[in-house]
N, C-alpha and C. Protein backbone atom coordinates (compact mmCIF):
# COMPACT_ATOMS: atom_id res chain seq x y z
N UNK A 1 -0.59 -83.47 -92.97
CA UNK A 1 0.34 -83.29 -91.85
C UNK A 1 1.76 -83.09 -92.38
N UNK A 2 2.52 -82.25 -91.68
CA UNK A 2 3.92 -82.06 -92.11
C UNK A 2 4.73 -83.33 -91.87
N UNK A 3 5.83 -83.43 -92.60
CA UNK A 3 6.71 -84.57 -92.44
C UNK A 3 8.03 -84.12 -91.80
N UNK A 4 8.55 -84.96 -90.93
CA UNK A 4 9.79 -84.65 -90.21
C UNK A 4 10.95 -84.52 -91.20
N UNK A 5 11.79 -83.50 -91.00
CA UNK A 5 12.94 -83.26 -91.87
C UNK A 5 14.01 -84.34 -91.73
N UNK A 6 13.94 -85.13 -90.67
CA UNK A 6 14.96 -86.16 -90.44
C UNK A 6 14.45 -87.53 -90.82
N UNK A 7 13.36 -87.97 -90.20
CA UNK A 7 12.87 -89.33 -90.46
C UNK A 7 11.82 -89.40 -91.55
N UNK A 8 11.34 -88.23 -92.00
CA UNK A 8 10.36 -88.14 -93.08
C UNK A 8 8.97 -88.68 -92.72
N UNK A 9 8.75 -88.96 -91.44
CA UNK A 9 7.45 -89.45 -91.01
C UNK A 9 6.53 -88.27 -90.71
N UNK A 10 5.20 -88.42 -90.93
CA UNK A 10 4.28 -87.34 -90.59
C UNK A 10 4.19 -87.16 -89.07
N UNK A 11 3.96 -85.92 -88.66
CA UNK A 11 3.86 -85.63 -87.22
C UNK A 11 2.89 -84.47 -87.05
N UNK A 12 2.44 -84.30 -85.82
CA UNK A 12 1.52 -83.20 -85.51
C UNK A 12 2.33 -82.04 -84.94
N UNK A 13 2.23 -80.89 -85.57
CA UNK A 13 3.00 -79.73 -85.16
C UNK A 13 2.41 -79.15 -83.88
N UNK A 14 3.27 -78.94 -82.86
CA UNK A 14 2.84 -78.37 -81.58
C UNK A 14 3.45 -77.00 -81.32
N UNK A 15 4.45 -76.63 -82.12
CA UNK A 15 5.13 -75.34 -81.97
C UNK A 15 5.22 -74.65 -83.32
N UNK A 16 5.17 -73.29 -83.30
CA UNK A 16 5.34 -72.58 -84.57
C UNK A 16 6.72 -72.87 -85.17
N UNK A 17 6.80 -72.97 -86.46
CA UNK A 17 8.05 -73.20 -87.19
C UNK A 17 8.68 -74.55 -86.88
N UNK A 18 7.94 -75.45 -86.30
CA UNK A 18 8.47 -76.78 -85.99
C UNK A 18 8.70 -77.56 -87.28
N UNK A 19 9.88 -78.21 -87.39
CA UNK A 19 10.20 -78.94 -88.63
C UNK A 19 10.50 -80.41 -88.40
N UNK A 20 10.56 -80.85 -87.14
CA UNK A 20 10.85 -82.25 -86.85
C UNK A 20 9.84 -82.79 -85.83
N UNK A 21 9.83 -84.11 -85.74
CA UNK A 21 8.84 -84.72 -84.87
C UNK A 21 9.28 -84.77 -83.41
N UNK A 22 10.58 -84.76 -83.15
CA UNK A 22 11.08 -84.82 -81.77
C UNK A 22 12.24 -83.85 -81.60
N UNK A 23 12.58 -83.61 -80.29
CA UNK A 23 13.73 -82.73 -80.01
C UNK A 23 15.02 -83.37 -80.50
N UNK A 24 15.14 -84.68 -80.38
CA UNK A 24 16.35 -85.36 -80.86
C UNK A 24 16.54 -85.13 -82.36
N UNK A 25 15.44 -85.25 -83.09
CA UNK A 25 15.53 -85.02 -84.53
C UNK A 25 15.78 -83.54 -84.83
N UNK A 26 15.26 -82.67 -83.98
CA UNK A 26 15.51 -81.24 -84.15
C UNK A 26 16.99 -80.94 -84.01
N UNK A 27 17.66 -81.55 -83.03
CA UNK A 27 19.10 -81.36 -82.84
C UNK A 27 19.88 -81.93 -84.03
N UNK A 28 19.47 -83.12 -84.51
CA UNK A 28 20.14 -83.71 -85.66
C UNK A 28 20.01 -82.81 -86.90
N UNK A 29 18.79 -82.28 -87.06
CA UNK A 29 18.54 -81.43 -88.23
C UNK A 29 19.35 -80.14 -88.15
N UNK A 30 19.41 -79.55 -86.95
CA UNK A 30 20.18 -78.31 -86.76
C UNK A 30 21.67 -78.55 -87.04
N UNK A 31 22.17 -79.69 -86.55
CA UNK A 31 23.58 -80.03 -86.78
C UNK A 31 23.85 -80.22 -88.28
N UNK A 32 22.95 -80.92 -88.96
CA UNK A 32 23.12 -81.16 -90.39
C UNK A 32 23.10 -79.85 -91.18
N UNK A 33 22.19 -78.94 -90.77
CA UNK A 33 22.10 -77.65 -91.45
C UNK A 33 23.37 -76.82 -91.22
N UNK A 34 23.89 -76.89 -89.98
CA UNK A 34 25.11 -76.15 -89.67
C UNK A 34 26.30 -76.68 -90.48
N UNK A 35 26.42 -78.00 -90.58
CA UNK A 35 27.50 -78.60 -91.37
C UNK A 35 27.35 -78.27 -92.85
N UNK A 36 26.10 -78.24 -93.31
CA UNK A 36 25.84 -77.88 -94.70
C UNK A 36 26.27 -76.44 -94.98
N UNK A 37 25.97 -75.55 -94.04
CA UNK A 37 26.35 -74.15 -94.20
C UNK A 37 27.86 -73.98 -94.15
N UNK A 38 28.51 -74.75 -93.28
CA UNK A 38 29.97 -74.68 -93.19
C UNK A 38 30.62 -75.15 -94.49
N UNK A 39 30.07 -76.23 -95.07
CA UNK A 39 30.61 -76.71 -96.34
C UNK A 39 30.41 -75.68 -97.44
N UNK A 40 29.25 -75.05 -97.44
CA UNK A 40 28.99 -74.02 -98.43
C UNK A 40 29.95 -72.85 -98.27
N UNK A 41 30.17 -72.43 -97.02
CA UNK A 41 31.10 -71.32 -96.76
C UNK A 41 32.51 -71.68 -97.21
N UNK A 42 32.90 -72.95 -96.96
CA UNK A 42 34.23 -73.38 -97.36
C UNK A 42 34.37 -73.37 -98.87
N UNK A 43 33.33 -73.84 -99.58
CA UNK A 43 33.37 -73.81 -101.05
C UNK A 43 33.48 -72.38 -101.56
N UNK A 44 32.71 -71.49 -100.94
CA UNK A 44 32.74 -70.09 -101.37
C UNK A 44 34.10 -69.47 -101.10
N UNK A 45 34.70 -69.82 -99.95
CA UNK A 45 36.03 -69.28 -99.63
C UNK A 45 37.06 -69.77 -100.63
N UNK A 46 36.98 -71.06 -100.96
CA UNK A 46 37.92 -71.62 -101.95
C UNK A 46 37.73 -70.98 -103.31
N UNK A 47 36.48 -70.76 -103.69
CA UNK A 47 36.20 -70.14 -104.97
C UNK A 47 36.71 -68.71 -105.00
N UNK A 48 36.50 -67.98 -103.89
CA UNK A 48 37.00 -66.60 -103.81
C UNK A 48 38.52 -66.56 -103.90
N UNK A 49 39.18 -67.51 -103.20
CA UNK A 49 40.63 -67.57 -103.24
C UNK A 49 41.12 -67.89 -104.65
N UNK A 50 40.42 -68.81 -105.32
CA UNK A 50 40.77 -69.16 -106.69
C UNK A 50 40.65 -67.96 -107.62
N UNK A 51 39.57 -67.19 -107.45
CA UNK A 51 39.35 -66.01 -108.29
C UNK A 51 40.38 -64.94 -108.00
N UNK A 52 40.77 -64.80 -106.72
CA UNK A 52 41.80 -63.81 -106.36
C UNK A 52 43.13 -64.18 -106.99
N UNK A 53 43.47 -65.48 -106.93
CA UNK A 53 44.73 -65.92 -107.53
C UNK A 53 44.72 -65.72 -109.04
N UNK A 54 43.57 -66.00 -109.67
CA UNK A 54 43.46 -65.79 -111.10
C UNK A 54 43.62 -64.32 -111.46
N UNK A 55 43.00 -63.45 -110.66
CA UNK A 55 43.12 -62.01 -110.90
C UNK A 55 44.56 -61.55 -110.74
N UNK A 56 45.25 -62.12 -109.73
CA UNK A 56 46.64 -61.75 -109.49
C UNK A 56 47.52 -62.20 -110.65
N UNK A 57 47.28 -63.44 -111.14
CA UNK A 57 48.05 -63.92 -112.29
C UNK A 57 47.82 -63.04 -113.52
N UNK A 58 46.57 -62.66 -113.73
CA UNK A 58 46.26 -61.82 -114.88
C UNK A 58 46.90 -60.45 -114.75
N UNK A 59 46.91 -59.90 -113.52
CA UNK A 59 47.55 -58.61 -113.29
C UNK A 59 49.05 -58.69 -113.54
N UNK A 60 49.67 -59.77 -113.05
CA UNK A 60 51.11 -59.95 -113.28
C UNK A 60 51.41 -60.11 -114.77
N UNK A 61 50.50 -60.81 -115.45
CA UNK A 61 50.70 -61.03 -116.88
C UNK A 61 50.64 -59.71 -117.64
N UNK A 62 49.72 -58.83 -117.21
CA UNK A 62 49.55 -57.54 -117.90
C UNK A 62 50.77 -56.65 -117.74
N UNK A 63 51.43 -56.71 -116.58
CA UNK A 63 52.55 -55.79 -116.32
C UNK A 63 53.91 -56.44 -116.61
N UNK A 64 53.90 -57.67 -117.13
CA UNK A 64 55.15 -58.37 -117.39
C UNK A 64 55.96 -57.61 -118.44
N UNK A 65 57.25 -57.33 -118.19
CA UNK A 65 58.05 -56.56 -119.15
C UNK A 65 58.33 -57.36 -120.42
N UNK A 66 58.66 -56.66 -121.47
CA UNK A 66 58.92 -57.30 -122.76
C UNK A 66 60.09 -58.29 -122.66
N UNK A 67 61.11 -57.95 -121.88
CA UNK A 67 62.27 -58.83 -121.74
C UNK A 67 61.87 -60.19 -121.17
N UNK A 68 60.94 -60.18 -120.24
CA UNK A 68 60.45 -61.42 -119.65
C UNK A 68 59.68 -62.24 -120.69
N UNK A 69 58.88 -61.55 -121.47
CA UNK A 69 58.10 -62.25 -122.51
C UNK A 69 59.02 -62.82 -123.59
N UNK A 70 60.09 -62.09 -123.90
CA UNK A 70 61.05 -62.58 -124.88
C UNK A 70 61.73 -63.85 -124.37
N UNK A 71 62.09 -63.86 -123.09
CA UNK A 71 62.72 -65.04 -122.51
C UNK A 71 61.76 -66.23 -122.52
N UNK A 72 60.50 -65.99 -122.19
CA UNK A 72 59.52 -67.08 -122.19
C UNK A 72 59.32 -67.64 -123.59
N UNK A 73 59.27 -66.75 -124.59
CA UNK A 73 59.12 -67.20 -125.98
C UNK A 73 60.34 -68.00 -126.40
N UNK A 74 61.54 -67.52 -126.02
CA UNK A 74 62.77 -68.23 -126.38
C UNK A 74 62.84 -69.59 -125.69
N UNK A 75 62.44 -69.65 -124.42
CA UNK A 75 62.43 -70.92 -123.70
C UNK A 75 61.49 -71.93 -124.35
N UNK A 76 60.31 -71.45 -124.77
CA UNK A 76 59.34 -72.34 -125.42
C UNK A 76 59.88 -72.83 -126.76
N UNK A 77 60.51 -71.93 -127.51
CA UNK A 77 61.10 -72.30 -128.80
C UNK A 77 62.22 -73.31 -128.61
N UNK A 78 63.12 -73.06 -127.65
CA UNK A 78 64.24 -73.96 -127.40
C UNK A 78 63.77 -75.35 -126.97
N UNK A 79 62.73 -75.38 -126.11
CA UNK A 79 62.19 -76.66 -125.66
C UNK A 79 61.62 -77.44 -126.84
N UNK A 80 60.98 -76.74 -127.76
CA UNK A 80 60.46 -77.40 -128.96
C UNK A 80 61.59 -77.97 -129.80
N UNK A 81 62.67 -77.21 -129.98
CA UNK A 81 63.81 -77.68 -130.79
C UNK A 81 64.40 -78.94 -130.18
N UNK A 82 64.57 -78.97 -128.87
CA UNK A 82 65.13 -80.16 -128.22
C UNK A 82 64.20 -81.37 -128.39
N UNK A 83 62.91 -81.13 -128.34
CA UNK A 83 61.96 -82.23 -128.54
C UNK A 83 61.92 -82.66 -130.00
N UNK A 84 61.98 -81.70 -130.91
CA UNK A 84 61.99 -82.02 -132.35
C UNK A 84 63.18 -82.92 -132.70
N UNK A 85 64.34 -82.62 -132.11
CA UNK A 85 65.58 -83.36 -132.40
C UNK A 85 65.85 -84.46 -131.38
N UNK A 86 64.81 -84.92 -130.72
CA UNK A 86 64.96 -85.85 -129.59
C UNK A 86 65.86 -87.05 -129.92
N UNK A 87 65.65 -87.67 -131.06
CA UNK A 87 66.40 -88.88 -131.39
C UNK A 87 67.68 -88.63 -132.16
N UNK A 88 68.08 -87.36 -132.29
CA UNK A 88 69.26 -87.02 -133.08
C UNK A 88 70.44 -86.69 -132.17
N UNK A 89 71.66 -86.92 -132.65
CA UNK A 89 72.84 -86.55 -131.85
C UNK A 89 73.12 -85.06 -131.93
N UNK A 90 74.17 -84.65 -131.27
CA UNK A 90 74.58 -83.24 -131.29
C UNK A 90 74.87 -82.79 -132.71
N UNK A 91 74.36 -81.63 -133.08
CA UNK A 91 74.54 -81.09 -134.42
C UNK A 91 76.00 -80.79 -134.72
N UNK A 92 76.80 -80.54 -133.68
CA UNK A 92 78.20 -80.14 -133.89
C UNK A 92 79.15 -81.33 -133.96
N UNK A 93 79.09 -82.18 -132.95
CA UNK A 93 80.08 -83.26 -132.85
C UNK A 93 79.51 -84.62 -133.20
N UNK A 94 78.19 -84.70 -133.38
CA UNK A 94 77.57 -85.98 -133.69
C UNK A 94 77.56 -86.95 -132.53
N UNK A 95 77.83 -86.43 -131.33
CA UNK A 95 77.93 -87.29 -130.16
C UNK A 95 76.73 -87.22 -129.25
N UNK A 96 76.82 -88.04 -128.21
CA UNK A 96 75.80 -88.10 -127.17
C UNK A 96 76.46 -87.80 -125.83
N UNK A 97 75.70 -87.42 -124.82
CA UNK A 97 76.32 -87.10 -123.54
C UNK A 97 76.99 -88.30 -122.90
N UNK A 98 78.09 -88.06 -122.21
CA UNK A 98 78.80 -89.10 -121.47
C UNK A 98 78.00 -89.45 -120.23
N UNK A 99 77.59 -90.72 -120.12
CA UNK A 99 76.75 -91.11 -118.98
C UNK A 99 77.50 -90.99 -117.66
N UNK A 100 78.83 -90.97 -117.71
CA UNK A 100 79.60 -90.83 -116.47
C UNK A 100 79.71 -89.38 -116.02
N UNK A 101 79.36 -88.49 -116.91
CA UNK A 101 79.43 -87.06 -116.60
C UNK A 101 78.16 -86.67 -115.84
N UNK A 102 78.34 -86.03 -114.68
CA UNK A 102 77.17 -85.67 -113.88
C UNK A 102 76.27 -84.67 -114.61
N UNK A 103 76.83 -83.97 -115.60
CA UNK A 103 76.02 -83.04 -116.38
C UNK A 103 75.55 -83.68 -117.68
N UNK A 104 75.86 -84.96 -117.87
CA UNK A 104 75.45 -85.62 -119.10
C UNK A 104 73.95 -85.63 -119.26
N UNK A 105 73.52 -85.63 -120.52
CA UNK A 105 72.10 -85.63 -120.80
C UNK A 105 71.49 -84.25 -120.87
N UNK A 106 72.30 -83.22 -120.59
CA UNK A 106 71.79 -81.85 -120.66
C UNK A 106 72.06 -81.32 -122.06
N UNK A 107 70.99 -80.97 -122.74
CA UNK A 107 71.09 -80.46 -124.10
C UNK A 107 70.73 -78.98 -124.16
N UNK A 108 71.33 -78.30 -125.11
CA UNK A 108 70.96 -76.93 -125.43
C UNK A 108 70.25 -76.92 -126.78
N UNK A 109 69.62 -75.81 -127.07
CA UNK A 109 69.14 -75.53 -128.42
C UNK A 109 70.08 -74.46 -128.97
N UNK A 110 71.04 -74.89 -129.78
CA UNK A 110 72.08 -73.97 -130.24
C UNK A 110 71.77 -73.40 -131.61
N UNK A 111 72.04 -72.09 -131.75
CA UNK A 111 71.79 -71.42 -133.03
C UNK A 111 73.01 -71.52 -133.94
N UNK A 112 72.76 -71.78 -135.19
CA UNK A 112 73.82 -71.81 -136.22
C UNK A 112 74.38 -70.41 -136.41
N UNK A 113 73.52 -69.47 -136.76
CA UNK A 113 73.88 -68.05 -136.81
C UNK A 113 73.37 -67.42 -135.52
N UNK A 114 74.27 -66.85 -134.75
CA UNK A 114 73.94 -66.44 -133.39
C UNK A 114 72.84 -65.39 -133.34
N UNK A 115 72.13 -65.39 -132.23
CA UNK A 115 71.06 -64.41 -132.01
C UNK A 115 71.64 -63.00 -131.94
N UNK A 116 72.87 -62.90 -131.42
CA UNK A 116 73.50 -61.58 -131.32
C UNK A 116 73.77 -60.96 -132.67
N UNK A 117 74.25 -61.77 -133.61
CA UNK A 117 74.59 -61.22 -134.93
C UNK A 117 73.43 -61.29 -135.92
N UNK A 118 72.49 -62.20 -135.65
CA UNK A 118 71.34 -62.37 -136.55
C UNK A 118 70.05 -62.49 -135.73
N UNK A 119 69.64 -61.43 -135.06
CA UNK A 119 68.44 -61.51 -134.21
C UNK A 119 67.18 -61.83 -134.99
N UNK A 120 67.19 -61.53 -136.28
CA UNK A 120 66.00 -61.82 -137.09
C UNK A 120 65.79 -63.32 -137.30
N UNK A 121 66.83 -64.13 -136.98
CA UNK A 121 66.73 -65.58 -137.12
C UNK A 121 66.58 -66.28 -135.78
N UNK A 122 66.25 -65.51 -134.77
CA UNK A 122 66.11 -66.05 -133.42
C UNK A 122 65.13 -67.23 -133.38
N UNK A 123 63.99 -67.08 -134.05
CA UNK A 123 62.95 -68.11 -134.00
C UNK A 123 62.81 -68.86 -135.34
N UNK A 124 63.90 -68.91 -136.10
CA UNK A 124 63.90 -69.66 -137.35
C UNK A 124 64.28 -71.10 -137.03
N UNK A 125 63.41 -72.05 -137.34
CA UNK A 125 63.62 -73.44 -136.96
C UNK A 125 64.83 -74.07 -137.67
N UNK A 126 65.14 -73.61 -138.88
CA UNK A 126 66.32 -74.12 -139.59
C UNK A 126 67.61 -73.66 -138.93
N UNK A 127 67.55 -72.56 -138.21
CA UNK A 127 68.75 -71.95 -137.62
C UNK A 127 69.07 -72.49 -136.23
N UNK A 128 68.27 -73.42 -135.72
CA UNK A 128 68.46 -73.88 -134.34
C UNK A 128 68.31 -75.40 -134.28
N UNK A 129 69.26 -76.03 -133.55
CA UNK A 129 69.29 -77.49 -133.47
C UNK A 129 69.78 -77.93 -132.11
N UNK A 130 69.42 -79.15 -131.76
CA UNK A 130 69.85 -79.71 -130.47
C UNK A 130 71.37 -79.85 -130.46
N UNK A 131 71.96 -79.42 -129.34
CA UNK A 131 73.41 -79.35 -129.26
C UNK A 131 73.85 -79.73 -127.85
N UNK A 132 74.91 -80.51 -127.73
CA UNK A 132 75.42 -80.84 -126.41
C UNK A 132 75.82 -79.58 -125.67
N UNK A 133 75.52 -79.56 -124.40
CA UNK A 133 75.80 -78.37 -123.61
C UNK A 133 77.28 -77.99 -123.64
N UNK A 134 78.15 -79.00 -123.56
CA UNK A 134 79.58 -78.65 -123.53
C UNK A 134 80.09 -78.23 -124.91
N UNK A 135 79.32 -78.47 -125.97
CA UNK A 135 79.68 -77.92 -127.28
C UNK A 135 79.23 -76.46 -127.39
N UNK A 136 78.10 -76.17 -126.78
CA UNK A 136 77.50 -74.84 -126.92
C UNK A 136 78.00 -73.86 -125.86
N UNK A 137 78.01 -74.30 -124.61
CA UNK A 137 78.26 -73.36 -123.51
C UNK A 137 79.72 -72.93 -123.46
N UNK A 138 79.93 -71.64 -123.55
CA UNK A 138 81.24 -71.06 -123.33
C UNK A 138 82.24 -71.25 -124.45
N UNK A 139 81.83 -71.85 -125.57
CA UNK A 139 82.81 -72.10 -126.63
C UNK A 139 83.37 -70.81 -127.21
N UNK A 140 82.57 -69.72 -127.12
CA UNK A 140 83.02 -68.45 -127.67
C UNK A 140 84.20 -67.88 -126.88
N UNK A 141 84.43 -68.38 -125.66
CA UNK A 141 85.51 -67.84 -124.81
C UNK A 141 86.87 -68.38 -125.22
N UNK A 142 86.87 -69.50 -125.95
CA UNK A 142 88.12 -70.15 -126.30
C UNK A 142 88.18 -70.27 -127.81
N UNK A 143 89.13 -69.60 -128.42
CA UNK A 143 89.16 -69.49 -129.88
C UNK A 143 89.24 -70.86 -130.55
N UNK A 144 90.05 -71.76 -130.01
CA UNK A 144 90.19 -73.08 -130.65
C UNK A 144 88.90 -73.88 -130.53
N UNK A 145 88.34 -73.91 -129.33
CA UNK A 145 87.09 -74.64 -129.13
C UNK A 145 85.97 -74.03 -129.97
N UNK A 146 85.92 -72.70 -129.97
CA UNK A 146 84.89 -72.03 -130.75
C UNK A 146 84.99 -72.36 -132.22
N UNK A 147 86.21 -72.44 -132.74
CA UNK A 147 86.41 -72.77 -134.15
C UNK A 147 85.98 -74.20 -134.44
N UNK A 148 86.33 -75.12 -133.54
CA UNK A 148 85.96 -76.53 -133.72
C UNK A 148 84.44 -76.68 -133.70
N UNK A 149 83.79 -76.02 -132.73
CA UNK A 149 82.33 -76.10 -132.63
C UNK A 149 81.67 -75.52 -133.87
N UNK A 150 82.18 -74.36 -134.30
CA UNK A 150 81.61 -73.70 -135.47
C UNK A 150 81.76 -74.55 -136.73
N UNK A 151 82.93 -75.14 -136.90
CA UNK A 151 83.17 -75.99 -138.07
C UNK A 151 82.29 -77.24 -138.02
N UNK A 152 82.16 -77.80 -136.82
CA UNK A 152 81.32 -78.98 -136.67
C UNK A 152 79.86 -78.67 -136.97
N UNK A 153 79.40 -77.51 -136.51
CA UNK A 153 78.01 -77.10 -136.78
C UNK A 153 77.81 -76.92 -138.28
N UNK A 154 78.80 -76.31 -138.94
CA UNK A 154 78.70 -76.08 -140.38
C UNK A 154 78.51 -77.39 -141.14
N UNK A 155 79.30 -78.38 -140.79
CA UNK A 155 79.19 -79.69 -141.44
C UNK A 155 77.85 -80.36 -141.09
N UNK A 156 77.50 -80.32 -139.79
CA UNK A 156 76.30 -81.00 -139.32
C UNK A 156 75.02 -80.42 -139.91
N UNK A 157 74.94 -79.10 -139.99
CA UNK A 157 73.70 -78.49 -140.47
C UNK A 157 73.52 -78.71 -141.97
N UNK A 158 74.63 -78.70 -142.71
CA UNK A 158 74.52 -78.93 -144.15
C UNK A 158 74.09 -80.37 -144.44
N UNK A 159 74.54 -81.30 -143.63
CA UNK A 159 74.11 -82.68 -143.80
C UNK A 159 72.64 -82.85 -143.40
N UNK A 160 72.22 -82.12 -142.40
CA UNK A 160 70.89 -82.33 -141.85
C UNK A 160 69.79 -81.66 -142.65
N UNK A 161 69.99 -80.41 -143.06
CA UNK A 161 68.90 -79.69 -143.74
C UNK A 161 69.21 -79.38 -145.20
N UNK A 162 70.45 -79.61 -145.64
CA UNK A 162 70.78 -79.41 -147.05
C UNK A 162 71.33 -78.03 -147.35
N UNK A 163 72.06 -77.97 -148.46
CA UNK A 163 72.75 -76.73 -148.86
C UNK A 163 71.78 -75.58 -149.10
N UNK A 164 70.67 -75.88 -149.74
CA UNK A 164 69.74 -74.81 -150.14
C UNK A 164 69.19 -74.09 -148.91
N UNK A 165 68.80 -74.83 -147.90
CA UNK A 165 68.23 -74.20 -146.70
C UNK A 165 69.29 -73.47 -145.89
N UNK A 166 70.53 -73.97 -145.92
CA UNK A 166 71.61 -73.26 -145.23
C UNK A 166 71.88 -71.94 -145.94
N UNK A 167 71.91 -71.98 -147.26
CA UNK A 167 72.16 -70.75 -148.01
C UNK A 167 71.04 -69.74 -147.79
N UNK A 168 69.82 -70.24 -147.61
CA UNK A 168 68.72 -69.31 -147.31
C UNK A 168 68.99 -68.57 -146.00
N UNK A 169 69.51 -69.31 -145.01
CA UNK A 169 69.83 -68.67 -143.73
C UNK A 169 70.89 -67.59 -143.91
N UNK A 170 71.85 -67.83 -144.81
CA UNK A 170 72.97 -66.91 -144.97
C UNK A 170 72.62 -65.68 -145.80
N UNK A 171 71.46 -65.69 -146.43
CA UNK A 171 71.03 -64.51 -147.18
C UNK A 171 70.65 -63.38 -146.22
N UNK A 172 70.55 -62.20 -146.76
CA UNK A 172 70.16 -61.06 -145.93
C UNK A 172 68.66 -61.13 -145.64
N UNK A 173 68.31 -60.91 -144.37
CA UNK A 173 66.91 -60.97 -143.96
C UNK A 173 66.50 -59.61 -143.37
N UNK A 174 65.26 -59.22 -143.58
CA UNK A 174 64.81 -57.95 -142.99
C UNK A 174 64.80 -58.05 -141.46
N UNK A 175 65.12 -56.95 -140.80
CA UNK A 175 65.09 -56.97 -139.33
C UNK A 175 63.69 -57.21 -138.81
N UNK A 176 63.60 -57.80 -137.61
CA UNK A 176 62.31 -58.07 -137.00
C UNK A 176 62.23 -57.42 -135.63
N UNK A 177 61.12 -56.76 -135.41
CA UNK A 177 60.85 -56.18 -134.09
C UNK A 177 59.63 -56.89 -133.54
N UNK A 178 59.85 -57.75 -132.56
CA UNK A 178 58.75 -58.53 -132.01
C UNK A 178 57.95 -57.72 -131.00
N UNK A 179 56.67 -57.63 -131.24
CA UNK A 179 55.79 -56.97 -130.27
C UNK A 179 55.47 -57.94 -129.14
N UNK A 180 54.87 -57.43 -128.08
CA UNK A 180 54.46 -58.29 -126.97
C UNK A 180 53.46 -59.34 -127.46
N UNK A 181 52.54 -58.93 -128.31
CA UNK A 181 51.58 -59.89 -128.86
C UNK A 181 52.29 -60.96 -129.69
N UNK A 182 53.32 -60.56 -130.45
CA UNK A 182 54.09 -61.53 -131.22
C UNK A 182 54.73 -62.57 -130.30
N UNK A 183 55.32 -62.09 -129.21
CA UNK A 183 56.03 -62.98 -128.29
C UNK A 183 55.07 -63.93 -127.57
N UNK A 184 53.90 -63.42 -127.23
CA UNK A 184 52.88 -64.29 -126.60
C UNK A 184 52.47 -65.38 -127.58
N UNK A 185 52.27 -64.99 -128.84
CA UNK A 185 51.85 -65.95 -129.86
C UNK A 185 52.95 -66.99 -130.12
N UNK A 186 54.21 -66.55 -130.14
CA UNK A 186 55.33 -67.48 -130.36
C UNK A 186 55.42 -68.47 -129.21
N UNK A 187 55.28 -68.00 -128.00
CA UNK A 187 55.32 -68.89 -126.83
C UNK A 187 54.21 -69.93 -126.92
N UNK A 188 53.00 -69.50 -127.22
CA UNK A 188 51.87 -70.43 -127.31
C UNK A 188 52.07 -71.42 -128.46
N UNK A 189 52.56 -70.93 -129.58
CA UNK A 189 52.76 -71.78 -130.76
C UNK A 189 53.74 -72.91 -130.47
N UNK A 190 54.89 -72.57 -129.89
CA UNK A 190 55.92 -73.59 -129.69
C UNK A 190 55.64 -74.46 -128.48
N UNK A 191 54.90 -73.96 -127.53
CA UNK A 191 54.45 -74.82 -126.43
C UNK A 191 53.51 -75.88 -126.97
N UNK A 192 52.60 -75.47 -127.84
CA UNK A 192 51.64 -76.41 -128.44
C UNK A 192 52.35 -77.43 -129.33
N UNK A 193 53.30 -76.97 -130.15
CA UNK A 193 54.01 -77.88 -131.05
C UNK A 193 54.85 -78.88 -130.26
N UNK A 194 55.48 -78.44 -129.17
CA UNK A 194 56.27 -79.35 -128.35
C UNK A 194 55.39 -80.43 -127.74
N UNK A 195 54.25 -80.03 -127.22
CA UNK A 195 53.34 -81.00 -126.59
C UNK A 195 52.83 -82.02 -127.61
N UNK A 196 52.57 -81.58 -128.82
CA UNK A 196 52.12 -82.50 -129.86
C UNK A 196 53.19 -83.54 -130.17
N UNK A 197 54.46 -83.09 -130.23
CA UNK A 197 55.56 -84.03 -130.49
C UNK A 197 55.74 -84.98 -129.34
N UNK A 198 55.61 -84.48 -128.11
CA UNK A 198 55.74 -85.35 -126.94
C UNK A 198 54.68 -86.44 -126.93
N UNK A 199 53.45 -86.08 -127.31
CA UNK A 199 52.38 -87.07 -127.36
C UNK A 199 52.67 -88.13 -128.41
N UNK A 200 53.18 -87.71 -129.55
CA UNK A 200 53.51 -88.67 -130.61
C UNK A 200 54.62 -89.61 -130.16
N UNK A 201 55.59 -89.06 -129.43
CA UNK A 201 56.73 -89.88 -129.00
C UNK A 201 56.34 -90.85 -127.91
N UNK A 202 55.45 -90.43 -127.01
CA UNK A 202 55.05 -91.27 -125.88
C UNK A 202 53.89 -92.18 -126.25
């Protein structure tokens, strides 16, 4: 004898395609099947939406301009530098942010030899160090401030990495043309290195 889909008890079938022992159980079973189908449809809709979003992200990634990829690579590199130098003071002035300053605690990753004059050293770790924002931002606009910042950086970097590595930076380097694949790899590399340092620190 067949068994009821609801109570699992055997029953005598009186109608073709009958699956339950009573009409009440038939209604319960129909409701359960409908809810099951609705849940399945909802899962499928969510999965389709997830796949559509993934396809859209991949499409955007494919058409992303080189300038955008360069910025992302630079952001990842700068974030790594700030994490690498987490416990160190500003490379220029040896100071820390003023806690009374509403912008205090904001650090830059400042280049010793600027990206404009030495683009081949853009992603050289020896050429970039954590720097107070007010030491880095806008100093080039004011000759006196710019000179003080530059002199402070010169002293700070020689103390931190040594004369030999500073002189290596000052040597002539071959120009670099970063491809899109290079920039993707740089972004991934420094994102990974930053996360590893964060895990060690925490």
